[in-house]
Amino acid sequence: MIPILPSPRFLSESIIETDAKGHPRIDKQLFLLDCNRPSDELKEHFPALWQYLRQGIEKGIPEGYICTHRTPWYSQEQRPAALFVSAYIGRNSDRKTHPFRFILNRSRATVTNSWLVFYPTPLLKEILQRKPGLDIEILHQLNSIPPELLVDEGRVYGGGMYKLEPKEMARIDADSLLTQLRIKKTLTRQELLF
């Protein structure tokens, strides 16, 4: 079982701390079933798990797009926990409120595809290990990106729903972030990008 963060709308914290097992310190603990064993082995050695998976078979889940591209169909994408995550869909009715919120994830929890994930480059990871608290400073700077920069790079749907894809997020100028972090002489834009 892999710990997983809930959907962005159910997560009020901006910093996800971890317990000794790497689980996020949040009220509602969620876990992702991570099993790659063949169905014959599950039937024989893990009958309760097989009965659970059979419910999915009866509902046609193995015929879904993602499941048809995985072997076995119930296996999971192997995505490590990301240090920073952000919802890729958000609301902004007045173009001043922030439709996207960044979160610092210090746990081993992975996320679903309702999140954008940001992994530090090897150089930034090394700097983060040497500079305790820099991750919080980066989080504050990410959350201080003017909403209009994010909104202008993304697309808007009815009712003030904004969507920002990874390629659109990558177009946002990181130079001001580097300057604010006072590490511009240490890191180039490419080295900071996740």
C-alpha atoms as a PDB file:
ATOM      1  CA  MET A   1       0.000   0.000   0.000  1.00  0.00           C
ATOM      2  CA  ILE A   2       1.286   3.429  -0.976  1.00  0.00           C
ATOM      3  CA  PRO A   3       0.124   6.559   0.853  1.00  0.00           C
ATOM      4  CA  ILE A   4      -1.668   9.009  -1.429  1.00  0.00           C
ATOM      5  CA  LEU A   5      -2.754  12.610  -0.981  1.00  0.00           C
ATOM      6  CA  PRO A   6      -6.458  13.341  -1.388  1.00  0.00           C
ATOM      7  CA  SER A   7      -7.864  15.501  -4.144  1.00  0.00           C
ATOM      8  CA  PRO A   8      -6.770  19.168  -3.851  1.00  0.00           C
ATOM      9  CA  ARG A   9     -10.209  20.285  -2.722  1.00  0.00           C
ATOM     10  CA  PHE A  10      -9.978  17.986   0.322  1.00  0.00           C
ATOM     11  CA  LEU A  11      -6.535  19.149   1.415  1.00  0.00           C
ATOM     12  CA  SER A  12      -6.414  22.322   3.468  1.00  0.00           C
ATOM     13  CA  GLU A  13      -2.752  22.129   4.535  1.00  0.00           C
ATOM     14  CA  SER A  14       0.011  23.848   2.545  1.00  0.00           C
ATOM     15  CA  ILE A  15       2.806  21.818   4.114  1.00  0.00           C
ATOM     16  CA  ILE A  16       2.360  18.067   4.410  1.00  0.00           C
ATOM     17  CA  GLU A  17       4.539  16.743   7.195  1.00  0.00           C
ATOM     18  CA  THR A  18       5.418  13.070   7.514  1.00  0.00           C
ATOM     19  CA  ASP A  19       5.282  10.467  10.243  1.00  0.00           C
ATOM     20  CA  ALA A  20       7.977   7.859  10.909  1.00  0.00           C
ATOM     21  CA  LYS A  21       6.576   5.573   8.183  1.00  0.00           C
ATOM     22  CA  GLY A  22       6.516   8.325   5.571  1.00  0.00           C
ATOM     23  CA  HIS A  23       2.740   8.675   5.730  1.00  0.00           C
ATOM     24  CA  PRO A  24       1.364  12.200   5.463  1.00  0.00           C
ATOM     25  CA  ARG A  25       0.164  13.794   8.678  1.00  0.00           C
ATOM     26  CA  ILE A  26      -3.351  14.574   7.527  1.00  0.00           C
ATOM     27  CA  ASP A  27      -6.741  13.770   9.024  1.00  0.00           C
ATOM     28  CA  LYS A  28      -7.931  11.299   6.411  1.00  0.00           C
ATOM     29  CA  GLN A  29      -5.296   8.725   5.490  1.00  0.00           C
ATOM     30  CA  LEU A  30      -5.658   7.273   1.997  1.00  0.00           C
ATOM     31  CA  PHE A  31      -3.698   4.434   0.428  1.00  0.00           C
ATOM     32  CA  LEU A  32      -3.240   3.181  -3.097  1.00  0.00           C
ATOM     33  CA  LEU A  33      -3.460  -0.543  -3.746  1.00  0.00           C
ATOM     34  CA  ASP A  34      -0.166  -1.422  -5.392  1.00  0.00           C
ATOM     35  CA  CYS A  35      -0.179  -4.992  -6.633  1.00  0.00           C
ATOM     36  CA  ASN A  36       1.560  -6.464  -9.666  1.00  0.00           C
ATOM     37  CA  ARG A  37       1.035 -10.121  -8.816  1.00  0.00           C
ATOM     38  CA  PRO A  38      -0.734 -12.292 -11.410  1.00  0.00           C
ATOM     39  CA  SER A  39      -4.443 -12.948 -10.936  1.00  0.00           C
ATOM     40  CA  ASP A  40      -3.879 -16.716 -10.517  1.00  0.00           C
ATOM     41  CA  GLU A  41      -1.637 -16.021  -7.521  1.00  0.00           C
ATOM     42  CA  LEU A  42      -4.192 -13.627  -6.038  1.00  0.00           C
ATOM     43  CA  LYS A  43      -6.989 -16.186  -6.432  1.00  0.00           C
ATOM     44  CA  GLU A  44      -4.950 -18.836  -4.637  1.00  0.00           C
ATOM     45  CA  HIS A  45      -3.127 -16.876  -1.917  1.00  0.00           C
ATOM     46  CA  PHE A  46      -5.158 -13.661  -1.464  1.00  0.00           C
ATOM     47  CA  PRO A  47      -8.816 -14.571  -2.002  1.00  0.00           C
ATOM     48  CA  ALA A  48     -10.198 -11.445  -0.272  1.00  0.00           C
ATOM     49  CA  LEU A  49      -8.148  -9.195  -2.549  1.00  0.00           C
ATOM     50  CA  TRP A  50      -9.226 -11.222  -5.574  1.00  0.00           C
ATOM     51  CA  GLN A  51     -12.893 -10.826  -4.574  1.00  0.00           C
ATOM     52  CA  TYR A  52     -12.352  -7.070  -4.356  1.00  0.00           C
ATOM     53  CA  LEU A  53     -10.790  -6.999  -7.840  1.00  0.00           C
ATOM     54  CA  ARG A  54     -13.640  -9.129  -9.198  1.00  0.00           C
ATOM     55  CA  GLN A  55     -16.031  -6.318  -8.265  1.00  0.00           C
ATOM     56  CA  GLY A  56     -14.007  -4.109 -10.604  1.00  0.00           C
ATOM     57  CA  ILE A  57     -14.158  -6.737 -13.343  1.00  0.00           C
ATOM     58  CA  GLU A  58     -17.949  -6.927 -12.993  1.00  0.00           C
ATOM     59  CA  LYS A  59     -18.135  -3.124 -13.414  1.00  0.00           C
ATOM     60  CA  GLY A  60     -15.992  -3.235 -16.580  1.00  0.00           C
ATOM     61  CA  ILE A  61     -13.036  -1.379 -15.109  1.00  0.00           C
ATOM     62  CA  PRO A  62     -10.420  -3.540 -16.909  1.00  0.00           C
ATOM     63  CA  GLU A  63     -11.822  -2.281 -20.234  1.00  0.00           C
ATOM     64  CA  GLY A  64     -11.126   1.358 -19.338  1.00  0.00           C
ATOM     65  CA  TYR A  65      -8.401   3.183 -21.259  1.00  0.00           C
ATOM     66  CA  ILE A  66      -5.776   3.259 -18.513  1.00  0.00           C
ATOM     67  CA  CYS A  67      -6.370  -0.326 -17.398  1.00  0.00           C
ATOM     68  CA  THR A  68      -6.081  -1.670 -20.951  1.00  0.00           C
ATOM     69  CA  HIS A  69      -2.569  -0.221 -21.088  1.00  0.00           C
ATOM     70  CA  ARG A  70      -1.362  -1.874 -17.878  1.00  0.00           C
ATOM     71  CA  THR A  71      -0.318  -5.427 -17.124  1.00  0.00           C
ATOM     72  CA  PRO A  72      -1.947  -6.604 -14.988  1.00  0.00           C
ATOM     73  CA  TRP A  73      -4.877  -4.208 -15.387  1.00  0.00           C
ATOM     74  CA  TYR A  74      -4.939  -3.454 -11.634  1.00  0.00           C
ATOM     75  CA  SER A  75      -1.272  -2.432 -11.414  1.00  0.00           C
ATOM     76  CA  GLN A  76      -0.380   1.172 -10.655  1.00  0.00           C
ATOM     77  CA  GLU A  77       1.840   3.748 -12.274  1.00  0.00           C
ATOM     78  CA  GLN A  78       5.096   3.877 -10.333  1.00  0.00           C
ATOM     79  CA  ARG A  79       5.222   7.570  -9.475  1.00  0.00           C
ATOM     80  CA  PRO A  80       7.448   8.604  -6.563  1.00  0.00           C
ATOM     81  CA  ALA A  81       6.321  11.246  -4.103  1.00  0.00           C
ATOM     82  CA  ALA A  82       6.902  14.778  -5.394  1.00  0.00           C
ATOM     83  CA  LEU A  83       8.301  17.492  -3.133  1.00  0.00           C
ATOM     84  CA  PHE A  84       5.964  20.135  -4.575  1.00  0.00           C
ATOM     85  CA  VAL A  85       2.498  19.601  -6.014  1.00  0.00           C
ATOM     86  CA  SER A  86      -0.201  21.891  -7.359  1.00  0.00           C
ATOM     87  CA  ALA A  87      -3.747  21.429  -8.527  1.00  0.00           C
ATOM     88  CA  TYR A  88      -3.945  21.911 -12.269  1.00  0.00           C
ATOM     89  CA  ILE A  89      -7.554  23.100 -12.205  1.00  0.00           C
ATOM     90  CA  GLY A  90      -8.775  25.993 -10.100  1.00  0.00           C
ATOM     91  CA  ARG A  91     -11.413  28.696  -9.900  1.00  0.00           C
ATOM     92  CA  ASN A  92     -10.783  32.408 -10.189  1.00  0.00           C
ATOM     93  CA  SER A  93     -13.858  34.573 -10.525  1.00  0.00           C
ATOM     94  CA  ASP A  94     -12.124  37.974 -10.299  1.00  0.00           C
ATOM     95  CA  ARG A  95      -8.649  37.243 -11.781  1.00  0.00           C
ATOM     96  CA  LYS A  96      -7.138  38.353  -8.448  1.00  0.00           C
ATOM     97  CA  THR A  97      -7.760  35.341  -6.251  1.00  0.00           C
ATOM     98  CA  HIS A  98      -5.274  32.522  -6.764  1.00  0.00           C
ATOM     99  CA  PRO A  99      -6.767  29.609  -8.727  1.00  0.00           C
ATOM    100  CA  PHE A 100      -3.705  27.397  -8.217  1.00  0.00           C
ATOM    101  CA  ARG A 101      -2.161  26.491  -4.874  1.00  0.00           C
ATOM    102  CA  PHE A 102       1.250  24.910  -4.390  1.00  0.00           C
ATOM    103  CA  ILE A 103       1.826  22.400  -1.603  1.00  0.00           C
ATOM    104  CA  LEU A 104       5.055  21.185  -0.015  1.00  0.00           C
ATOM    105  CA  ASN A 105       4.898  17.405   0.390  1.00  0.00           C
ATOM    106  CA  ARG A 106       7.454  16.092   2.889  1.00  0.00           C
ATOM    107  CA  SER A 107       5.808  12.670   3.018  1.00  0.00           C
ATOM    108  CA  ARG A 108       6.115   9.587   0.805  1.00  0.00           C
ATOM    109  CA  ALA A 109       2.564  10.117  -0.438  1.00  0.00           C
ATOM    110  CA  THR A 110       2.077  10.094  -4.164  1.00  0.00           C
ATOM    111  CA  VAL A 111      -0.734  11.931  -5.930  1.00  0.00           C
ATOM    112  CA  THR A 112      -3.383  11.229  -8.536  1.00  0.00           C
ATOM    113  CA  ASN A 113      -3.525  12.858 -11.940  1.00  0.00           C
ATOM    114  CA  SER A 114      -5.559  15.747 -10.485  1.00  0.00           C
ATOM    115  CA  TRP A 115      -2.237  17.255  -9.414  1.00  0.00           C
ATOM    116  CA  LEU A 116       0.796  18.682 -11.194  1.00  0.00           C
ATOM    117  CA  VAL A 117       3.990  17.274  -9.701  1.00  0.00           C
ATOM    118  CA  PHE A 118       7.354  19.017  -9.369  1.00  0.00           C
ATOM    119  CA  TYR A 119      10.533  17.082  -8.668  1.00  0.00           C
ATOM    120  CA  PRO A 120      13.683  19.038  -7.780  1.00  0.00           C
ATOM    121  CA  THR A 121      16.597  18.663 -10.141  1.00  0.00           C
ATOM    122  CA  PRO A 122      19.591  16.815  -8.633  1.00  0.00           C
ATOM    123  CA  LEU A 123      21.378  20.120  -7.983  1.00  0.00           C
ATOM    124  CA  LEU A 124      18.374  21.714  -6.294  1.00  0.00           C
ATOM    125  CA  LYS A 125      17.847  18.551  -4.245  1.00  0.00           C
ATOM    126  CA  GLU A 126      21.433  18.806  -3.010  1.00  0.00           C
ATOM    127  CA  ILE A 127      20.968  22.481  -2.110  1.00  0.00           C
ATOM    128  CA  LEU A 128      17.719  21.701  -0.287  1.00  0.00           C
ATOM    129  CA  GLN A 129      19.556  19.135   1.834  1.00  0.00           C
ATOM    130  CA  ARG A 130      22.209  21.720   2.766  1.00  0.00           C
ATOM    131  CA  LYS A 131      19.738  24.550   3.432  1.00  0.00           C
ATOM    132  CA  PRO A 132      16.983  23.526   5.844  1.00  0.00           C
ATOM    133  CA  GLY A 133      13.932  25.683   5.351  1.00  0.00           C
ATOM    134  CA  LEU A 134      14.667  26.491   1.714  1.00  0.00           C
ATOM    135  CA  ASP A 135      11.786  24.213   0.703  1.00  0.00           C
ATOM    136  CA  ILE A 136       9.397  26.444   2.671  1.00  0.00           C
ATOM    137  CA  GLU A 137      10.897  29.550   1.095  1.00  0.00           C
ATOM    138  CA  ILE A 138      10.401  28.024  -2.370  1.00  0.00           C
ATOM    139  CA  LEU A 139       6.814  27.133  -1.437  1.00  0.00           C
ATOM    140  CA  HIS A 140       6.104  30.736  -0.395  1.00  0.00           C
ATOM    141  CA  GLN A 141       7.595  32.051  -3.629  1.00  0.00           C
ATOM    142  CA  LEU A 142       5.612  29.586  -5.736  1.00  0.00           C
ATOM    143  CA  ASN A 143       2.413  30.640  -3.992  1.00  0.00           C
ATOM    144  CA  SER A 144       3.292  34.297  -4.510  1.00  0.00           C
ATOM    145  CA  ILE A 145       3.431  33.975  -8.308  1.00  0.00           C
ATOM    146  CA  PRO A 146       0.868  36.555  -9.449  1.00  0.00           C
ATOM    147  CA  PRO A 147      -2.394  34.803 -10.374  1.00  0.00           C
ATOM    148  CA  GLU A 148      -2.536  36.568 -13.734  1.00  0.00           C
ATOM    149  CA  LEU A 149       0.768  34.936 -14.789  1.00  0.00           C
ATOM    150  CA  LEU A 150      -0.673  31.489 -14.193  1.00  0.00           C
ATOM    151  CA  VAL A 151      -4.090  32.310 -15.603  1.00  0.00           C
ATOM    152  CA  ASP A 152      -2.633  33.891 -18.754  1.00  0.00           C
ATOM    153  CA  GLU A 153      -0.551  30.768 -19.509  1.00  0.00           C
ATOM    154  CA  GLY A 154      -3.450  28.363 -19.047  1.00  0.00           C
ATOM    155  CA  ARG A 155      -6.932  28.168 -20.464  1.00  0.00           C
ATOM    156  CA  VAL A 156     -10.311  29.108 -19.062  1.00  0.00           C
ATOM    157  CA  TYR A 157     -13.565  27.195 -19.074  1.00  0.00           C
ATOM    158  CA  GLY A 158     -17.078  28.300 -18.197  1.00  0.00           C
ATOM    159  CA  GLY A 159     -17.737  29.674 -14.734  1.00  0.00           C
ATOM    160  CA  GLY A 160     -14.155  30.828 -14.070  1.00  0.00           C
ATOM    161  CA  MET A 161     -12.556  27.367 -14.127  1.00  0.00           C
ATOM    162  CA  TYR A 162      -8.886  27.603 -15.087  1.00  0.00           C
ATOM    163  CA  LYS A 163      -6.686  24.753 -16.235  1.00  0.00           C
ATOM    164  CA  LEU A 164      -2.900  24.753 -16.391  1.00  0.00           C
ATOM    165  CA  GLU A 165      -1.121  21.875 -18.141  1.00  0.00           C
ATOM    166  CA  PRO A 166       2.537  20.990 -17.404  1.00  0.00           C
ATOM    167  CA  LYS A 167       3.813  22.580 -20.651  1.00  0.00           C
ATOM    168  CA  GLU A 168       1.893  25.755 -19.857  1.00  0.00           C
ATOM    169  CA  MET A 169       3.315  25.821 -16.322  1.00  0.00           C
ATOM    170  CA  ALA A 170       6.824  25.428 -17.763  1.00  0.00           C
ATOM    171  CA  ARG A 171       6.414  28.667 -19.739  1.00  0.00           C
ATOM    172  CA  ILE A 172       6.117  30.756 -16.569  1.00  0.00           C
ATOM    173  CA  ASP A 173       9.187  32.929 -16.010  1.00  0.00           C
ATOM    174  CA  ALA A 174      11.283  31.550 -13.147  1.00  0.00           C
ATOM    175  CA  ASP A 175      13.797  34.415 -13.042  1.00  0.00           C
ATOM    176  CA  SER A 176      11.816  36.398 -10.472  1.00  0.00           C
ATOM    177  CA  LEU A 177      11.547  33.262  -8.340  1.00  0.00           C
ATOM    178  CA  LEU A 178      15.327  32.827  -8.452  1.00  0.00           C
ATOM    179  CA  THR A 179      15.873  36.471  -7.525  1.00  0.00           C
ATOM    180  CA  GLN A 180      13.434  36.267  -4.624  1.00  0.00           C
ATOM    181  CA  LEU A 181      15.165  33.169  -3.298  1.00  0.00           C
ATOM    182  CA  ARG A 182      18.548  34.927  -3.411  1.00  0.00           C
ATOM    183  CA  ILE A 183      20.103  31.878  -5.078  1.00  0.00           C
ATOM    184  CA  LYS A 184      20.333  33.250  -8.618  1.00  0.00           C
ATOM    185  CA  LYS A 185      24.137  33.037  -8.544  1.00  0.00           C
ATOM    186  CA  THR A 186      23.920  29.413  -7.461  1.00  0.00           C
ATOM    187  CA  LEU A 187      21.209  28.107  -9.770  1.00  0.00           C
ATOM    188  CA  THR A 188      20.302  28.757 -13.364  1.00  0.00           C
ATOM    189  CA  ARG A 189      16.678  28.761 -14.473  1.00  0.00           C
ATOM    190  CA  GLN A 190      17.006  25.222 -15.871  1.00  0.00           C
ATOM    191  CA  GLU A 191      18.563  23.926 -12.654  1.00  0.00           C
ATOM    192  CA  LEU A 192      15.716  25.322 -10.574  1.00  0.00           C
ATOM    193  CA  LEU A 193      12.976  23.930 -12.761  1.00  0.00           C
ATOM    194  CA  PHE A 194      11.529  20.728 -11.487  1.00  0.00           C
END
